[in-house]
Amino acid sequence: GFIPPLEHIEQVRENLITAYTHADVIGVPVRQRLQDKTSYWYRAFSLLMENVGPEVVMEKTLADIDFHCDWLQAGYFNKLLQGIDTLCYVSCRNLDEIFKRRFGIRNVYSFTIAPEMKFTGGYKGDVHYPDQFKKIRRWMQKVPIDGRLCLVGAGVIGKIYTTWFKEQGGIAIDIGYVFDAWAGRSTRG
């Protein structure tokens, strides 16, 4: 789909470094993914260490990047979400009614971003970056984030949103494609 100009790529890179620097927990590839030095995940972890710095990465709590898959399969999201009063989230899936009906959440605040192009055809709205990116920052100033659970499923740029939620006192978790699973969409293996 959309190929961003170099200027935007550099802005995203800088924002990602900031996001990883301010994160409490960083998902990293584990198990067999780091065994093969030619794999995508080995290279991705190397880039993280190179750009953020090993001293920053190693002071964080490291979790398996598949934690959200494991939580989904084990039913932990049901326990986490059941009956909470307020939820804030950013995703390409509008799940407001599902959150209210399935988990009994009374107040749901969401920002629906552009979908991932390879899984969705015919989208005609704003591009995620920079258009919606700027709007999300303003949206976050208007919703009750402090002390609330805030979920993110917004690709690479989503790491930045977790930092913004955290800066406003939210408890932010990047759950990736779990939003797709809740919407009944099969987008990952």
N, C-alpha and C. Protein backbone atom coordinates (compact mmCIF):
# COMPACT_ATOMS: atom_id res chain seq x y z
N GLY A 1 0.82 -1.19 0.00
CA GLY A 1 0.00 0.00 0.00
C GLY A 1 0.85 1.24 0.00
N PHE A 2 0.59 2.09 0.93
CA PHE A 2 1.24 3.39 1.04
C PHE A 2 2.72 3.25 1.40
N ILE A 3 3.56 3.91 0.65
CA ILE A 3 5.00 3.93 0.97
C ILE A 3 5.33 5.33 1.47
N PRO A 4 5.70 5.45 2.74
CA PRO A 4 5.94 6.78 3.31
C PRO A 4 7.25 7.39 2.80
N PRO A 5 7.30 8.72 2.78
CA PRO A 5 8.55 9.38 2.42
C PRO A 5 9.61 9.14 3.50
N LEU A 6 10.85 9.31 3.13
CA LEU A 6 11.97 9.08 4.05
C LEU A 6 11.85 9.90 5.33
N GLU A 7 11.36 11.12 5.20
CA GLU A 7 11.17 11.99 6.37
C GLU A 7 10.25 11.34 7.40
N HIS A 8 9.15 10.72 6.94
CA HIS A 8 8.22 10.05 7.85
C HIS A 8 8.85 8.81 8.47
N ILE A 9 9.63 8.08 7.70
CA ILE A 9 10.30 6.89 8.22
C ILE A 9 11.24 7.29 9.35
N GLU A 10 11.96 8.37 9.19
CA GLU A 10 12.88 8.84 10.23
C GLU A 10 12.11 9.29 11.47
N GLN A 11 10.97 9.96 11.28
CA GLN A 11 10.15 10.37 12.41
C GLN A 11 9.64 9.17 13.19
N VAL A 12 9.17 8.16 12.48
CA VAL A 12 8.68 6.94 13.13
C VAL A 12 9.83 6.27 13.88
N ARG A 13 11.00 6.20 13.27
CA ARG A 13 12.17 5.59 13.92
C ARG A 13 12.47 6.29 15.24
N GLU A 14 12.51 7.61 15.23
CA GLU A 14 12.79 8.35 16.45
C GLU A 14 11.72 8.14 17.51
N ASN A 15 10.46 8.12 17.09
CA ASN A 15 9.37 7.86 18.02
C ASN A 15 9.45 6.45 18.60
N LEU A 16 9.87 5.48 17.79
CA LEU A 16 10.01 4.11 18.28
C LEU A 16 11.12 4.00 19.32
N ILE A 17 12.21 4.67 19.07
CA ILE A 17 13.31 4.66 20.05
C ILE A 17 12.82 5.23 21.38
N THR A 18 12.06 6.32 21.30
CA THR A 18 11.49 6.91 22.50
C THR A 18 10.53 5.94 23.17
N ALA A 19 9.69 5.28 22.39
CA ALA A 19 8.71 4.34 22.95
C ALA A 19 9.41 3.19 23.66
N TYR A 20 10.41 2.61 23.04
CA TYR A 20 11.12 1.50 23.67
C TYR A 20 11.91 1.97 24.90
N THR A 21 12.42 3.18 24.85
CA THR A 21 13.16 3.71 25.99
C THR A 21 12.26 3.90 27.20
N HIS A 22 11.00 4.27 26.98
CA HIS A 22 10.07 4.52 28.08
C HIS A 22 9.22 3.31 28.47
N ALA A 23 9.34 2.22 27.74
CA ALA A 23 8.55 1.03 28.04
C ALA A 23 9.03 0.37 29.33
N ASP A 24 8.12 -0.27 30.03
CA ASP A 24 8.48 -1.06 31.21
C ASP A 24 8.79 -2.50 30.80
N VAL A 25 8.03 -3.00 29.83
CA VAL A 25 8.19 -4.37 29.34
C VAL A 25 8.35 -4.30 27.83
N ILE A 26 9.29 -5.05 27.30
CA ILE A 26 9.50 -5.10 25.85
C ILE A 26 9.35 -6.55 25.40
N GLY A 27 8.52 -6.74 24.39
CA GLY A 27 8.36 -8.06 23.80
C GLY A 27 9.53 -8.34 22.87
N VAL A 28 10.17 -9.48 23.07
CA VAL A 28 11.30 -9.86 22.23
C VAL A 28 11.10 -11.28 21.72
N PRO A 29 11.70 -11.58 20.59
CA PRO A 29 11.59 -12.95 20.09
C PRO A 29 12.40 -13.91 20.95
N VAL A 30 11.79 -15.02 21.30
CA VAL A 30 12.47 -16.03 22.10
C VAL A 30 12.33 -17.38 21.41
N ARG A 31 12.69 -18.38 22.13
CA ARG A 31 12.61 -19.75 21.64
C ARG A 31 13.46 -19.90 20.38
N GLN A 32 12.92 -20.59 19.40
CA GLN A 32 13.69 -20.89 18.19
C GLN A 32 13.93 -19.66 17.32
N ARG A 33 13.20 -18.59 17.54
CA ARG A 33 13.31 -17.43 16.66
C ARG A 33 14.68 -16.76 16.71
N LEU A 34 15.37 -16.89 17.83
CA LEU A 34 16.69 -16.27 17.92
C LEU A 34 17.82 -17.25 17.61
N GLN A 35 17.48 -18.48 17.32
CA GLN A 35 18.50 -19.48 17.00
C GLN A 35 19.06 -19.29 15.59
N ASP A 36 18.20 -18.96 14.64
CA ASP A 36 18.59 -18.82 13.24
C ASP A 36 19.02 -17.38 12.98
N LYS A 37 20.31 -17.19 12.78
CA LYS A 37 20.85 -15.82 12.61
C LYS A 37 20.46 -15.18 11.29
N THR A 38 19.81 -15.93 10.40
CA THR A 38 19.34 -15.35 9.14
C THR A 38 17.85 -15.01 9.20
N SER A 39 17.21 -15.30 10.34
CA SER A 39 15.77 -15.07 10.43
C SER A 39 15.43 -13.59 10.60
N TYR A 40 14.20 -13.25 10.24
CA TYR A 40 13.68 -11.90 10.41
C TYR A 40 13.77 -11.48 11.86
N TRP A 41 13.38 -12.36 12.79
CA TRP A 41 13.31 -12.01 14.20
C TRP A 41 14.69 -11.79 14.81
N TYR A 42 15.66 -12.54 14.35
CA TYR A 42 17.03 -12.33 14.83
C TYR A 42 17.51 -10.95 14.40
N ARG A 43 17.25 -10.60 13.15
CA ARG A 43 17.65 -9.28 12.64
C ARG A 43 16.88 -8.17 13.35
N ALA A 44 15.60 -8.39 13.61
CA ALA A 44 14.78 -7.38 14.29
C ALA A 44 15.32 -7.12 15.70
N PHE A 45 15.65 -8.18 16.41
CA PHE A 45 16.18 -8.01 17.77
C PHE A 45 17.53 -7.30 17.72
N SER A 46 18.34 -7.62 16.73
CA SER A 46 19.64 -6.94 16.57
C SER A 46 19.44 -5.45 16.32
N LEU A 47 18.44 -5.10 15.50
CA LEU A 47 18.15 -3.69 15.22
C LEU A 47 17.67 -2.97 16.49
N LEU A 48 16.86 -3.66 17.28
CA LEU A 48 16.42 -3.08 18.54
C LEU A 48 17.61 -2.77 19.44
N MET A 49 18.49 -3.74 19.59
CA MET A 49 19.68 -3.54 20.43
C MET A 49 20.56 -2.42 19.89
N GLU A 50 20.72 -2.37 18.59
CA GLU A 50 21.57 -1.36 17.97
C GLU A 50 21.00 0.05 18.11
N ASN A 51 19.69 0.19 17.89
CA ASN A 51 19.09 1.53 17.87
C ASN A 51 18.68 2.04 19.24
N VAL A 52 18.23 1.17 20.11
CA VAL A 52 17.81 1.60 21.44
C VAL A 52 18.98 1.50 22.41
N GLY A 53 19.84 0.53 22.17
CA GLY A 53 21.02 0.35 23.00
C GLY A 53 20.85 -0.80 23.97
N PRO A 54 21.84 -1.68 24.05
CA PRO A 54 21.71 -2.84 24.95
C PRO A 54 21.53 -2.45 26.41
N GLU A 55 22.12 -1.32 26.81
CA GLU A 55 21.99 -0.91 28.21
C GLU A 55 20.55 -0.54 28.55
N VAL A 56 19.81 0.01 27.57
CA VAL A 56 18.40 0.36 27.78
C VAL A 56 17.55 -0.90 27.72
N VAL A 57 17.76 -1.72 26.70
CA VAL A 57 16.95 -2.92 26.53
C VAL A 57 17.11 -3.86 27.72
N MET A 58 18.32 -4.05 28.19
CA MET A 58 18.55 -5.02 29.25
C MET A 58 18.07 -4.55 30.63
N GLU A 59 17.74 -3.26 30.77
CA GLU A 59 17.19 -2.81 32.05
C GLU A 59 15.67 -3.01 32.10
N LYS A 60 15.07 -3.39 30.99
CA LYS A 60 13.63 -3.60 30.90
C LYS A 60 13.28 -5.04 31.28
N THR A 61 12.03 -5.24 31.61
CA THR A 61 11.52 -6.60 31.72
C THR A 61 11.25 -7.08 30.31
N LEU A 62 11.78 -8.23 29.96
CA LEU A 62 11.60 -8.76 28.61
C LEU A 62 10.55 -9.87 28.65
N ALA A 63 9.65 -9.83 27.68
CA ALA A 63 8.59 -10.83 27.57
C ALA A 63 8.62 -11.41 26.17
N ASP A 64 8.08 -12.58 26.03
CA ASP A 64 7.96 -13.23 24.72
C ASP A 64 7.02 -12.40 23.84
N ILE A 65 7.40 -12.16 22.60
CA ILE A 65 6.54 -11.39 21.70
C ILE A 65 5.21 -12.08 21.43
N ASP A 66 5.12 -13.35 21.75
CA ASP A 66 3.88 -14.09 21.55
C ASP A 66 2.99 -14.11 22.79
N PHE A 67 3.29 -13.28 23.79
CA PHE A 67 2.52 -13.33 25.03
C PHE A 67 1.04 -13.14 24.75
N HIS A 68 0.70 -12.21 23.82
CA HIS A 68 -0.71 -11.94 23.57
C HIS A 68 -1.42 -13.15 22.95
N CYS A 69 -0.70 -13.94 22.15
CA CYS A 69 -1.28 -15.18 21.61
C CYS A 69 -1.52 -16.17 22.75
N ASP A 70 -0.53 -16.30 23.61
CA ASP A 70 -0.65 -17.22 24.75
C ASP A 70 -1.80 -16.80 25.67
N TRP A 71 -1.90 -15.49 25.92
CA TRP A 71 -2.99 -14.99 26.77
C TRP A 71 -4.34 -15.27 26.14
N LEU A 72 -4.45 -15.07 24.83
CA LEU A 72 -5.71 -15.30 24.13
C LEU A 72 -6.12 -16.77 24.26
N GLN A 73 -5.18 -17.67 23.99
CA GLN A 73 -5.46 -19.10 24.05
C GLN A 73 -5.79 -19.56 25.47
N ALA A 74 -5.14 -18.97 26.46
CA ALA A 74 -5.35 -19.38 27.85
C ALA A 74 -6.57 -18.69 28.50
N GLY A 75 -7.17 -17.73 27.82
CA GLY A 75 -8.33 -17.04 28.37
C GLY A 75 -8.01 -15.94 29.35
N TYR A 76 -6.75 -15.51 29.41
CA TYR A 76 -6.37 -14.47 30.36
C TYR A 76 -6.97 -13.11 30.03
N PHE A 77 -7.21 -12.83 28.75
CA PHE A 77 -7.84 -11.55 28.41
C PHE A 77 -9.25 -11.51 28.98
N ASN A 78 -9.94 -12.63 29.01
CA ASN A 78 -11.28 -12.67 29.61
C ASN A 78 -11.20 -12.25 31.07
N LYS A 79 -10.22 -12.77 31.79
CA LYS A 79 -10.06 -12.41 33.20
C LYS A 79 -9.66 -10.95 33.37
N LEU A 80 -8.80 -10.46 32.49
CA LEU A 80 -8.32 -9.08 32.58
C LEU A 80 -9.45 -8.08 32.31
N LEU A 81 -10.28 -8.37 31.31
CA LEU A 81 -11.27 -7.40 30.85
C LEU A 81 -12.63 -7.52 31.52
N GLN A 82 -12.96 -8.68 32.04
CA GLN A 82 -14.30 -8.91 32.56
C GLN A 82 -14.68 -7.92 33.66
N GLY A 83 -15.69 -7.12 33.36
CA GLY A 83 -16.26 -6.24 34.37
C GLY A 83 -15.50 -4.96 34.67
N ILE A 84 -14.43 -4.64 33.94
CA ILE A 84 -13.79 -3.35 34.21
C ILE A 84 -14.74 -2.24 33.78
N ASP A 85 -14.61 -1.09 34.37
CA ASP A 85 -15.53 0.02 34.10
C ASP A 85 -15.22 0.73 32.79
N THR A 86 -13.93 0.99 32.53
CA THR A 86 -13.55 1.83 31.40
C THR A 86 -12.37 1.23 30.67
N LEU A 87 -12.43 1.26 29.34
CA LEU A 87 -11.35 0.77 28.49
C LEU A 87 -11.10 1.79 27.39
N CYS A 88 -9.82 2.04 27.13
CA CYS A 88 -9.42 2.88 26.00
C CYS A 88 -8.61 2.00 25.05
N TYR A 89 -8.81 2.17 23.74
CA TYR A 89 -8.01 1.37 22.82
C TYR A 89 -7.86 2.04 21.46
N VAL A 90 -6.77 1.64 20.77
CA VAL A 90 -6.50 2.05 19.40
C VAL A 90 -6.32 0.78 18.57
N SER A 91 -7.10 0.66 17.51
CA SER A 91 -7.06 -0.53 16.66
C SER A 91 -7.69 -0.20 15.32
N CYS A 92 -7.45 -1.06 14.34
CA CYS A 92 -8.14 -0.90 13.07
C CYS A 92 -9.50 -1.58 13.10
N ARG A 93 -9.84 -2.21 14.20
CA ARG A 93 -11.13 -2.88 14.38
C ARG A 93 -11.97 -2.12 15.40
N ASN A 94 -13.20 -1.81 15.04
CA ASN A 94 -14.11 -1.17 15.98
C ASN A 94 -14.81 -2.28 16.76
N LEU A 95 -14.40 -2.45 18.01
CA LEU A 95 -14.93 -3.53 18.85
C LEU A 95 -15.70 -3.00 20.06
N ASP A 96 -16.14 -1.76 19.99
CA ASP A 96 -16.83 -1.16 21.13
C ASP A 96 -17.95 -2.04 21.66
N GLU A 97 -18.85 -2.48 20.79
CA GLU A 97 -20.00 -3.27 21.22
C GLU A 97 -19.58 -4.64 21.73
N ILE A 98 -18.55 -5.22 21.13
CA ILE A 98 -18.05 -6.51 21.60
C ILE A 98 -17.51 -6.38 23.02
N PHE A 99 -16.74 -5.32 23.28
CA PHE A 99 -16.21 -5.10 24.63
C PHE A 99 -17.33 -4.91 25.64
N LYS A 100 -18.34 -4.16 25.26
CA LYS A 100 -19.46 -3.92 26.17
C LYS A 100 -20.26 -5.19 26.43
N ARG A 101 -20.59 -5.90 25.36
CA ARG A 101 -21.43 -7.09 25.48
C ARG A 101 -20.68 -8.28 26.08
N ARG A 102 -19.50 -8.57 25.56
CA ARG A 102 -18.76 -9.77 25.97
C ARG A 102 -18.12 -9.65 27.35
N PHE A 103 -17.60 -8.44 27.64
CA PHE A 103 -16.87 -8.28 28.89
C PHE A 103 -17.58 -7.41 29.92
N GLY A 104 -18.71 -6.81 29.54
CA GLY A 104 -19.46 -5.99 30.48
C GLY A 104 -18.80 -4.66 30.79
N ILE A 105 -18.00 -4.14 29.86
CA ILE A 105 -17.33 -2.86 30.07
C ILE A 105 -18.32 -1.74 29.76
N ARG A 106 -18.54 -0.85 30.72
CA ARG A 106 -19.53 0.21 30.54
C ARG A 106 -19.06 1.32 29.61
N ASN A 107 -17.81 1.77 29.78
CA ASN A 107 -17.31 2.92 29.02
C ASN A 107 -16.15 2.48 28.13
N VAL A 108 -16.35 2.60 26.84
CA VAL A 108 -15.31 2.21 25.89
C VAL A 108 -14.98 3.42 25.03
N TYR A 109 -13.70 3.77 25.00
CA TYR A 109 -13.21 4.89 24.20
C TYR A 109 -12.24 4.32 23.18
N SER A 110 -12.54 4.54 21.90
CA SER A 110 -11.70 3.93 20.87
C SER A 110 -11.36 4.94 19.78
N PHE A 111 -10.22 4.67 19.17
CA PHE A 111 -9.83 5.39 17.95
C PHE A 111 -9.54 4.31 16.93
N THR A 112 -10.34 4.31 15.85
CA THR A 112 -10.18 3.30 14.81
C THR A 112 -9.27 3.84 13.72
N ILE A 113 -8.14 3.14 13.52
CA ILE A 113 -7.14 3.57 12.53
C ILE A 113 -7.36 2.85 11.20
N ALA A 114 -6.63 3.28 10.21
CA ALA A 114 -6.67 2.64 8.89
C ALA A 114 -6.26 1.17 9.03
N PRO A 115 -6.92 0.27 8.30
CA PRO A 115 -6.57 -1.14 8.39
C PRO A 115 -5.27 -1.45 7.65
N GLU A 116 -4.69 -2.57 8.02
CA GLU A 116 -3.48 -3.04 7.33
C GLU A 116 -3.87 -3.40 5.89
N MET A 117 -3.20 -2.79 4.93
CA MET A 117 -3.60 -2.89 3.53
C MET A 117 -3.62 -4.32 3.00
N LYS A 118 -2.69 -5.17 3.44
CA LYS A 118 -2.65 -6.51 2.86
C LYS A 118 -3.81 -7.39 3.31
N PHE A 119 -4.54 -6.95 4.35
CA PHE A 119 -5.69 -7.72 4.82
C PHE A 119 -7.02 -7.04 4.52
N THR A 120 -6.99 -5.84 3.96
CA THR A 120 -8.22 -5.09 3.73
C THR A 120 -8.13 -4.35 2.40
N GLY A 121 -9.05 -4.61 1.51
CA GLY A 121 -9.08 -3.91 0.23
C GLY A 121 -10.13 -2.82 0.24
N GLY A 122 -9.93 -1.80 -0.58
CA GLY A 122 -10.94 -0.78 -0.77
C GLY A 122 -10.99 0.33 0.27
N TYR A 123 -10.04 0.39 1.19
CA TYR A 123 -10.05 1.45 2.19
C TYR A 123 -9.77 2.79 1.53
N LYS A 124 -10.55 3.80 1.87
CA LYS A 124 -10.42 5.12 1.24
C LYS A 124 -10.17 6.26 2.23
N GLY A 125 -10.00 5.97 3.50
CA GLY A 125 -9.87 7.03 4.51
C GLY A 125 -8.45 7.56 4.64
N ASP A 126 -8.23 8.28 5.74
CA ASP A 126 -6.92 8.85 6.04
C ASP A 126 -5.88 7.75 6.20
N VAL A 127 -4.64 8.07 5.86
CA VAL A 127 -3.55 7.14 6.11
C VAL A 127 -3.23 7.17 7.60
N HIS A 128 -2.72 6.06 8.09
CA HIS A 128 -2.41 5.97 9.51
C HIS A 128 -1.35 7.01 9.90
N TYR A 129 -0.25 7.00 9.19
CA TYR A 129 0.82 7.95 9.49
C TYR A 129 1.05 8.84 8.28
N PRO A 130 1.04 10.13 8.44
CA PRO A 130 0.99 10.92 9.67
C PRO A 130 -0.41 11.39 10.07
N ASP A 131 -1.40 11.22 9.19
CA ASP A 131 -2.71 11.84 9.42
C ASP A 131 -3.37 11.39 10.72
N GLN A 132 -3.64 10.09 10.85
CA GLN A 132 -4.32 9.62 12.06
C GLN A 132 -3.41 9.68 13.28
N PHE A 133 -2.13 9.52 13.08
CA PHE A 133 -1.15 9.62 14.15
C PHE A 133 -1.31 10.93 14.91
N LYS A 134 -1.42 12.03 14.19
CA LYS A 134 -1.59 13.35 14.81
C LYS A 134 -2.94 13.47 15.51
N LYS A 135 -3.98 12.90 14.90
CA LYS A 135 -5.32 12.97 15.50
C LYS A 135 -5.40 12.15 16.79
N ILE A 136 -4.68 11.04 16.84
CA ILE A 136 -4.72 10.19 18.03
C ILE A 136 -4.15 10.93 19.23
N ARG A 137 -3.10 11.69 19.04
CA ARG A 137 -2.51 12.46 20.14
C ARG A 137 -3.55 13.42 20.72
N ARG A 138 -4.29 14.09 19.84
CA ARG A 138 -5.33 15.02 20.29
C ARG A 138 -6.49 14.27 20.95
N TRP A 139 -6.88 13.12 20.38
CA TRP A 139 -7.95 12.30 20.94
C TRP A 139 -7.61 11.88 22.36
N MET A 140 -6.36 11.50 22.59
CA MET A 140 -5.94 11.05 23.92
C MET A 140 -6.08 12.15 24.97
N GLN A 141 -6.04 13.40 24.56
CA GLN A 141 -6.20 14.50 25.52
C GLN A 141 -7.65 14.62 26.00
N LYS A 142 -8.59 13.98 25.28
CA LYS A 142 -10.01 14.13 25.57
C LYS A 142 -10.63 12.92 26.27
N VAL A 143 -9.92 11.81 26.37
CA VAL A 143 -10.51 10.61 26.96
C VAL A 143 -9.90 10.33 28.34
N PRO A 144 -10.64 9.67 29.22
CA PRO A 144 -10.17 9.41 30.59
C PRO A 144 -9.17 8.24 30.63
N ILE A 145 -7.91 8.54 30.57
CA ILE A 145 -6.87 7.53 30.49
C ILE A 145 -6.27 7.20 31.86
N ASP A 146 -6.11 8.17 32.71
CA ASP A 146 -5.41 7.99 33.98
C ASP A 146 -5.98 6.81 34.78
N GLY A 147 -5.14 5.83 35.07
CA GLY A 147 -5.52 4.67 35.85
C GLY A 147 -6.32 3.62 35.09
N ARG A 148 -6.54 3.84 33.79
CA ARG A 148 -7.37 2.94 33.00
C ARG A 148 -6.51 1.99 32.15
N LEU A 149 -7.09 0.84 31.82
CA LEU A 149 -6.46 -0.09 30.90
C LEU A 149 -6.58 0.46 29.49
N CYS A 150 -5.48 0.46 28.76
CA CYS A 150 -5.43 0.99 27.40
C CYS A 150 -4.78 -0.06 26.51
N LEU A 151 -5.51 -0.53 25.52
CA LEU A 151 -5.00 -1.56 24.63
C LEU A 151 -4.66 -0.97 23.27
N VAL A 152 -3.63 -1.53 22.65
CA VAL A 152 -3.17 -1.03 21.36
C VAL A 152 -2.96 -2.21 20.42
N GLY A 153 -3.41 -2.03 19.19
CA GLY A 153 -3.15 -2.97 18.11
C GLY A 153 -3.00 -2.14 16.86
N ALA A 154 -1.83 -1.56 16.67
CA ALA A 154 -1.64 -0.58 15.60
C ALA A 154 -0.29 -0.72 14.90
N GLY A 155 0.21 -1.94 14.81
CA GLY A 155 1.47 -2.16 14.12
C GLY A 155 2.65 -1.51 14.81
N VAL A 156 3.66 -1.25 14.04
CA VAL A 156 4.89 -0.66 14.57
C VAL A 156 4.62 0.66 15.25
N ILE A 157 3.78 1.48 14.66
CA ILE A 157 3.49 2.79 15.22
C ILE A 157 2.75 2.67 16.55
N GLY A 158 2.09 1.56 16.77
CA GLY A 158 1.37 1.34 18.02
C GLY A 158 2.25 1.40 19.25
N LYS A 159 3.54 1.10 19.09
CA LYS A 159 4.46 1.18 20.23
C LYS A 159 4.48 2.60 20.78
N ILE A 160 4.33 3.56 19.90
CA ILE A 160 4.33 4.96 20.30
C ILE A 160 3.07 5.27 21.11
N TYR A 161 1.94 4.71 20.69
CA TYR A 161 0.69 4.96 21.40
C TYR A 161 0.73 4.41 22.82
N THR A 162 1.41 3.28 23.02
CA THR A 162 1.51 2.75 24.39
C THR A 162 2.26 3.75 25.27
N THR A 163 3.29 4.38 24.72
CA THR A 163 4.03 5.40 25.48
C THR A 163 3.14 6.58 25.81
N TRP A 164 2.36 7.04 24.84
CA TRP A 164 1.47 8.17 25.08
C TRP A 164 0.44 7.83 26.15
N PHE A 165 -0.14 6.63 26.08
CA PHE A 165 -1.09 6.21 27.11
C PHE A 165 -0.42 6.20 28.48
N LYS A 166 0.80 5.65 28.53
CA LYS A 166 1.53 5.58 29.80
C LYS A 166 1.81 6.98 30.34
N GLU A 167 2.20 7.91 29.47
CA GLU A 167 2.49 9.27 29.91
C GLU A 167 1.27 9.94 30.56
N GLN A 168 0.08 9.51 30.18
CA GLN A 168 -1.15 10.07 30.75
C GLN A 168 -1.69 9.21 31.89
N GLY A 169 -0.85 8.30 32.39
CA GLY A 169 -1.24 7.51 33.55
C GLY A 169 -1.99 6.23 33.24
N GLY A 170 -2.08 5.88 31.96
CA GLY A 170 -2.76 4.65 31.58
C GLY A 170 -1.89 3.42 31.75
N ILE A 171 -2.53 2.28 31.79
CA ILE A 171 -1.84 0.99 31.83
C ILE A 171 -1.96 0.43 30.41
N ALA A 172 -0.91 0.60 29.63
CA ALA A 172 -0.98 0.32 28.20
C ALA A 172 -0.33 -1.01 27.86
N ILE A 173 -1.04 -1.78 27.02
CA ILE A 173 -0.53 -3.06 26.55
C ILE A 173 -0.75 -3.14 25.05
N ASP A 174 0.31 -3.46 24.32
CA ASP A 174 0.20 -3.69 22.88
C ASP A 174 -0.18 -5.16 22.70
N ILE A 175 -1.40 -5.40 22.22
CA ILE A 175 -1.87 -6.77 22.07
C ILE A 175 -1.95 -7.21 20.61
N GLY A 176 -1.46 -6.36 19.71
CA GLY A 176 -1.35 -6.75 18.31
C GLY A 176 -2.63 -7.27 17.68
N TYR A 177 -2.48 -8.38 17.01
CA TYR A 177 -3.59 -8.89 16.21
C TYR A 177 -4.71 -9.56 17.02
N VAL A 178 -4.64 -9.53 18.33
CA VAL A 178 -5.73 -10.07 19.14
C VAL A 178 -7.03 -9.35 18.78
N PHE A 179 -6.94 -8.07 18.43
CA PHE A 179 -8.12 -7.33 17.99
C PHE A 179 -8.73 -8.01 16.77
N ASP A 180 -7.89 -8.46 15.84
CA ASP A 180 -8.39 -9.15 14.65
C ASP A 180 -9.12 -10.43 15.04
N ALA A 181 -8.54 -11.18 15.97
CA ALA A 181 -9.16 -12.44 16.42
C ALA A 181 -10.53 -12.15 17.04
N TRP A 182 -10.62 -11.12 17.88
CA TRP A 182 -11.92 -10.78 18.48
C TRP A 182 -12.94 -10.35 17.44
N ALA A 183 -12.45 -9.78 16.34
CA ALA A 183 -13.35 -9.36 15.25
C ALA A 183 -13.67 -10.51 14.32
N GLY A 184 -13.11 -11.69 14.59
CA GLY A 184 -13.38 -12.84 13.74
C GLY A 184 -12.57 -12.86 12.46
N ARG A 185 -11.49 -12.11 12.43
CA ARG A 185 -10.63 -12.03 11.23
C ARG A 185 -9.37 -12.84 11.47
N SER A 186 -9.01 -13.67 10.52
CA SER A 186 -7.78 -14.46 10.62
C SER A 186 -6.70 -13.77 9.81
N THR A 187 -5.81 -13.06 10.49
CA THR A 187 -4.77 -12.29 9.80
C THR A 187 -3.36 -12.77 10.10
N ARG A 188 -3.23 -13.71 11.01
CA ARG A 188 -1.90 -14.23 11.36
C ARG A 188 -1.99 -15.73 11.47
N GLY A 189 -0.81 -16.34 11.54
CA GLY A 189 -0.74 -17.81 11.65
C GLY A 189 -1.14 -18.29 13.00
